Amino acid sequence: MYTLLAFLTRLFGASPAGADYPAQLMEQAGARFGRNPEQAAELRRAASAWLRVVR
């Protein structure tokens, strides 16, 4: 779980203001699916949680 939080911190810290974070998370999840399906699922859950909070 720490790895996911560190990844999200780097992702959001390095992104310009107004970036589409859920789309970035989903892209990362798609890229990681073949190598680490569990982490891909975590990224998808994070994107879904982001959308619930924002909306």
PDB file of N, CA and C in Angstrom:
ATOM      1  N   MET A   1       0.825  -1.190   0.000  1.00  0.00           N
ATOM      2  CA  MET A   1       0.000   0.000   0.000  1.00  0.00           C
ATOM      3  C   MET A   1       0.870   1.256   0.000  1.00  0.00           C
ATOM      4  N   TYR A   2       1.996   1.198   0.704  1.00  0.00           N
ATOM      5  CA  TYR A   2       2.904   2.340   0.730  1.00  0.00           C
ATOM      6  C   TYR A   2       3.379   2.684  -0.679  1.00  0.00           C
ATOM      7  N   THR A   3       3.629   1.656  -1.472  1.00  0.00           N
ATOM      8  CA  THR A   3       4.096   1.882  -2.842  1.00  0.00           C
ATOM      9  C   THR A   3       3.059   2.661  -3.632  1.00  0.00           C
ATOM     10  N   LEU A   4       1.801   2.308  -3.472  1.00  0.00           N
ATOM     11  CA  LEU A   4       0.730   3.008  -4.185  1.00  0.00           C
ATOM     12  C   LEU A   4       0.643   4.464  -3.738  1.00  0.00           C
ATOM     13  N   LEU A   5       0.728   4.690  -2.442  1.00  0.00           N
ATOM     14  CA  LEU A   5       0.656   6.067  -1.954  1.00  0.00           C
ATOM     15  C   LEU A   5       1.847   6.891  -2.437  1.00  0.00           C
ATOM     16  N   ALA A   6       3.016   6.288  -2.452  1.00  0.00           N
ATOM     17  CA  ALA A   6       4.196   7.000  -2.957  1.00  0.00           C
ATOM     18  C   ALA A   6       4.021   7.322  -4.437  1.00  0.00           C
ATOM     19  N   PHE A   7       3.487   6.375  -5.197  1.00  0.00           N
ATOM     20  CA  PHE A   7       3.253   6.604  -6.618  1.00  0.00           C
ATOM     21  C   PHE A   7       2.264   7.749  -6.835  1.00  0.00           C
ATOM     22  N   LEU A   8       1.172   7.745  -6.077  1.00  0.00           N
ATOM     23  CA  LEU A   8       0.163   8.789  -6.229  1.00  0.00           C
ATOM     24  C   LEU A   8       0.722  10.155  -5.846  1.00  0.00           C
ATOM     25  N   THR A   9       1.557  10.188  -4.822  1.00  0.00           N
ATOM     26  CA  THR A   9       2.174  11.446  -4.418  1.00  0.00           C
ATOM     27  C   THR A   9       3.062  11.987  -5.519  1.00  0.00           C
ATOM     28  N   ARG A  10       3.866  11.121  -6.118  1.00  0.00           N
ATOM     29  CA  ARG A  10       4.717  11.564  -7.228  1.00  0.00           C
ATOM     30  C   ARG A  10       3.878  11.978  -8.419  1.00  0.00           C
ATOM     31  N   LEU A  11       2.836  11.238  -8.710  1.00  0.00           N
ATOM     32  CA  LEU A  11       1.981  11.539  -9.858  1.00  0.00           C
ATOM     33  C   LEU A  11       1.323  12.903  -9.707  1.00  0.00           C
ATOM     34  N   PHE A  12       0.737  13.157  -8.562  1.00  0.00           N
ATOM     35  CA  PHE A  12       0.031  14.413  -8.358  1.00  0.00           C
ATOM     36  C   PHE A  12       0.990  15.570  -8.163  1.00  0.00           C
ATOM     37  N   GLY A  13       2.139  15.340  -7.577  1.00  0.00           N
ATOM     38  CA  GLY A  13       3.112  16.398  -7.354  1.00  0.00           C
ATOM     39  C   GLY A  13       3.764  16.859  -8.644  1.00  0.00           C
ATOM     40  N   ALA A  14       3.910  15.957  -9.599  1.00  0.00           N
ATOM     41  CA  ALA A  14       4.602  16.279 -10.849  1.00  0.00           C
ATOM     42  C   ALA A  14       3.651  16.766 -11.938  1.00  0.00           C
ATOM     43  N   SER A  15       2.362  16.711 -11.696  1.00  0.00           N
ATOM     44  CA  SER A  15       1.388  17.064 -12.724  1.00  0.00           C
ATOM     45  C   SER A  15       1.032  18.543 -12.651  1.00  0.00           C
ATOM     46  N   PRO A  16       0.768  19.143 -13.794  1.00  0.00           N
ATOM     47  CA  PRO A  16       0.328  20.539 -13.790  1.00  0.00           C
ATOM     48  C   PRO A  16      -1.080  20.663 -13.209  1.00  0.00           C
ATOM     49  N   ALA A  17      -1.402  21.856 -12.757  1.00  0.00           N
ATOM     50  CA  ALA A  17      -2.729  22.100 -12.191  1.00  0.00           C
ATOM     51  C   ALA A  17      -3.793  21.832 -13.255  1.00  0.00           C
ATOM     52  N   GLY A  18      -4.886  21.222 -12.834  1.00  0.00           N
ATOM     53  CA  GLY A  18      -5.982  20.955 -13.746  1.00  0.00           C
ATOM     54  C   GLY A  18      -5.826  19.675 -14.559  1.00  0.00           C
ATOM     55  N   ALA A  19      -4.833  18.865 -14.249  1.00  0.00           N
ATOM     56  CA  ALA A  19      -4.629  17.614 -14.994  1.00  0.00           C
ATOM     57  C   ALA A  19      -5.773  16.647 -14.698  1.00  0.00           C
ATOM     58  N   ASP A  20      -5.998  15.760 -15.620  1.00  0.00           N
ATOM     59  CA  ASP A  20      -7.061  14.768 -15.476  1.00  0.00           C
ATOM     60  C   ASP A  20      -6.514  13.553 -14.720  1.00  0.00           C
ATOM     61  N   TYR A  21      -6.539  13.618 -13.397  1.00  0.00           N
ATOM     62  CA  TYR A  21      -5.937  12.580 -12.570  1.00  0.00           C
ATOM     63  C   TYR A  21      -6.564  11.207 -12.749  1.00  0.00           C
ATOM     64  N   PRO A  22      -7.887  11.084 -12.782  1.00  0.00           N
ATOM     65  CA  PRO A  22      -8.457   9.753 -12.974  1.00  0.00           C
ATOM     66  C   PRO A  22      -8.011   9.098 -14.280  1.00  0.00           C
ATOM     67  N   ALA A  23      -7.911   9.881 -15.340  1.00  0.00           N
ATOM     68  CA  ALA A  23      -7.461   9.313 -16.619  1.00  0.00           C
ATOM     69  C   ALA A  23      -6.018   8.847 -16.516  1.00  0.00           C
ATOM     70  N   GLN A  24      -5.183   9.618 -15.824  1.00  0.00           N
ATOM     71  CA  GLN A  24      -3.789   9.221 -15.639  1.00  0.00           C
ATOM     72  C   GLN A  24      -3.704   7.931 -14.824  1.00  0.00           C
ATOM     73  N   LEU A  25      -4.524   7.834 -13.782  1.00  0.00           N
ATOM     74  CA  LEU A  25      -4.524   6.622 -12.968  1.00  0.00           C
ATOM     75  C   LEU A  25      -4.968   5.407 -13.783  1.00  0.00           C
ATOM     76  N   MET A  26      -5.987   5.602 -14.597  1.00  0.00           N
ATOM     77  CA  MET A  26      -6.468   4.483 -15.416  1.00  0.00           C
ATOM     78  C   MET A  26      -5.436   4.068 -16.457  1.00  0.00           C
ATOM     79  N   GLU A  27      -4.716   5.031 -17.021  1.00  0.00           N
ATOM     80  CA  GLU A  27      -3.652   4.703 -17.970  1.00  0.00           C
ATOM     81  C   GLU A  27      -2.557   3.898 -17.283  1.00  0.00           C
ATOM     82  N   GLN A  28      -2.189   4.314 -16.089  1.00  0.00           N
ATOM     83  CA  GLN A  28      -1.169   3.583 -15.332  1.00  0.00           C
ATOM     84  C   GLN A  28      -1.664   2.181 -14.991  1.00  0.00           C
ATOM     85  N   ALA A  29      -2.938   2.064 -14.648  1.00  0.00           N
ATOM     86  CA  ALA A  29      -3.504   0.755 -14.329  1.00  0.00           C
ATOM     87  C   ALA A  29      -3.446  -0.161 -15.542  1.00  0.00           C
ATOM     88  N   GLY A  30      -3.773   0.377 -16.707  1.00  0.00           N
ATOM     89  CA  GLY A  30      -3.704  -0.426 -17.928  1.00  0.00           C
ATOM     90  C   GLY A  30      -2.291  -0.873 -18.240  1.00  0.00           C
ATOM     91  N   ALA A  31      -1.337   0.004 -17.980  1.00  0.00           N
ATOM     92  CA  ALA A  31       0.063  -0.335 -18.254  1.00  0.00           C
ATOM     93  C   ALA A  31       0.578  -1.383 -17.279  1.00  0.00           C
ATOM     94  N   ARG A  32       0.066  -1.398 -16.065  1.00  0.00           N
ATOM     95  CA  ARG A  32       0.566  -2.322 -15.051  1.00  0.00           C
ATOM     96  C   ARG A  32      -0.211  -3.630 -14.995  1.00  0.00           C
ATOM     97  N   PHE A  33      -1.304  -3.733 -15.720  1.00  0.00           N
ATOM     98  CA  PHE A  33      -2.167  -4.902 -15.599  1.00  0.00           C
ATOM     99  C   PHE A  33      -1.447  -6.216 -15.884  1.00  0.00           C
ATOM    100  N   GLY A  34      -0.642  -6.256 -16.922  1.00  0.00           N
ATOM    101  CA  GLY A  34       0.042  -7.501 -17.275  1.00  0.00           C
ATOM    102  C   GLY A  34       1.116  -7.899 -16.292  1.00  0.00           C
ATOM    103  N   ARG A  35       1.748  -6.911 -15.660  1.00  0.00           N
ATOM    104  CA  ARG A  35       2.839  -7.206 -14.727  1.00  0.00           C
ATOM    105  C   ARG A  35       2.371  -7.344 -13.295  1.00  0.00           C
ATOM    106  N   ASN A  36       1.405  -6.539 -12.892  1.00  0.00           N
ATOM    107  CA  ASN A  36       0.958  -6.535 -11.509  1.00  0.00           C
ATOM    108  C   ASN A  36      -0.533  -6.208 -11.450  1.00  0.00           C
ATOM    109  N   PRO A  37      -1.384  -7.223 -11.618  1.00  0.00           N
ATOM    110  CA  PRO A  37      -2.824  -6.971 -11.646  1.00  0.00           C
ATOM    111  C   PRO A  37      -3.368  -6.396 -10.342  1.00  0.00           C
ATOM    112  N   GLU A  38      -2.744  -6.736  -9.213  1.00  0.00           N
ATOM    113  CA  GLU A  38      -3.221  -6.214  -7.929  1.00  0.00           C
ATOM    114  C   GLU A  38      -3.003  -4.705  -7.855  1.00  0.00           C
ATOM    115  N   GLN A  39      -1.843  -4.249  -8.297  1.00  0.00           N
ATOM    116  CA  GLN A  39      -1.577  -2.815  -8.283  1.00  0.00           C
ATOM    117  C   GLN A  39      -2.476  -2.098  -9.289  1.00  0.00           C
ATOM    118  N   ALA A  40      -2.748  -2.740 -10.410  1.00  0.00           N
ATOM    119  CA  ALA A  40      -3.655  -2.148 -11.392  1.00  0.00           C
ATOM    120  C   ALA A  40      -5.044  -1.964 -10.787  1.00  0.00           C
ATOM    121  N   ALA A  41      -5.497  -2.953 -10.021  1.00  0.00           N
ATOM    122  CA  ALA A  41      -6.800  -2.842  -9.365  1.00  0.00           C
ATOM    123  C   ALA A  41      -6.798  -1.710  -8.338  1.00  0.00           C
ATOM    124  N   GLU A  42      -5.701  -1.546  -7.606  1.00  0.00           N
ATOM    125  CA  GLU A  42      -5.599  -0.448  -6.647  1.00  0.00           C
ATOM    126  C   GLU A  42      -5.670   0.906  -7.348  1.00  0.00           C
ATOM    127  N   LEU A  43      -4.999   1.021  -8.482  1.00  0.00           N
ATOM    128  CA  LEU A  43      -5.036   2.276  -9.224  1.00  0.00           C
ATOM    129  C   LEU A  43      -6.438   2.574  -9.738  1.00  0.00           C
ATOM    130  N   ARG A  44      -7.139   1.542 -10.184  1.00  0.00           N
ATOM    131  CA  ARG A  44      -8.522   1.742 -10.646  1.00  0.00           C
ATOM    132  C   ARG A  44      -9.417   2.178  -9.500  1.00  0.00           C
ATOM    133  N   ARG A  45      -9.225   1.567  -8.327  1.00  0.00           N
ATOM    134  CA  ARG A  45     -10.010   1.976  -7.160  1.00  0.00           C
ATOM    135  C   ARG A  45      -9.700   3.423  -6.782  1.00  0.00           C
ATOM    136  N   ALA A  46      -8.437   3.807  -6.874  1.00  0.00           N
ATOM    137  CA  ALA A  46      -8.059   5.189  -6.557  1.00  0.00           C
ATOM    138  C   ALA A  46      -8.718   6.162  -7.532  1.00  0.00           C
ATOM    139  N   ALA A  47      -8.754   5.817  -8.807  1.00  0.00           N
ATOM    140  CA  ALA A  47      -9.409   6.675  -9.798  1.00  0.00           C
ATOM    141  C   ALA A  47     -10.898   6.794  -9.508  1.00  0.00           C
ATOM    142  N   SER A  48     -11.514   5.680  -9.152  1.00  0.00           N
ATOM    143  CA  SER A  48     -12.951   5.710  -8.834  1.00  0.00           C
ATOM    144  C   SER A  48     -13.206   6.561  -7.592  1.00  0.00           C
ATOM    145  N   ALA A  49     -12.355   6.421  -6.578  1.00  0.00           N
ATOM    146  CA  ALA A  49     -12.506   7.208  -5.358  1.00  0.00           C
ATOM    147  C   ALA A  49     -12.344   8.692  -5.665  1.00  0.00           C
ATOM    148  N   TRP A  50     -11.380   9.025  -6.515  1.00  0.00           N
ATOM    149  CA  TRP A  50     -11.159  10.432  -6.898  1.00  0.00           C
ATOM    150  C   TRP A  50     -12.421  10.995  -7.541  1.00  0.00           C
ATOM    151  N   LEU A  51     -13.014  10.233  -8.438  1.00  0.00           N
ATOM    152  CA  LEU A  51     -14.221  10.708  -9.120  1.00  0.00           C
ATOM    153  C   LEU A  51     -15.385  10.880  -8.139  1.00  0.00           C
ATOM    154  N   ARG A  52     -15.512   9.982  -7.151  1.00  0.00           N
ATOM    155  CA  ARG A  52     -16.583  10.117  -6.165  1.00  0.00           C
ATOM    156  C   ARG A  52     -16.395  11.381  -5.327  1.00  0.00           C
ATOM    157  N   VAL A  53     -15.161  11.695  -4.981  1.00  0.00           N
ATOM    158  CA  VAL A  53     -14.892  12.867  -4.153  1.00  0.00           C
ATOM    159  C   VAL A  53     -15.123  14.151  -4.939  1.00  0.00           C
ATOM    160  N   VAL A  54     -14.652  14.171  -6.173  1.00  0.00           N
ATOM    161  CA  VAL A  54     -14.743  15.376  -6.993  1.00  0.00           C
ATOM    162  C   VAL A  54     -16.184  15.672  -7.377  1.00  0.00           C
ATOM    163  N   ARG A  55     -16.927  14.652  -7.688  1.00  0.00           N
ATOM    164  CA  ARG A  55     -18.318  14.864  -8.121  1.00  0.00           C
ATOM    165  C   ARG A  55     -19.152  15.101  -6.912  1.00  0.00           C
TER     166      ARG A  55
END
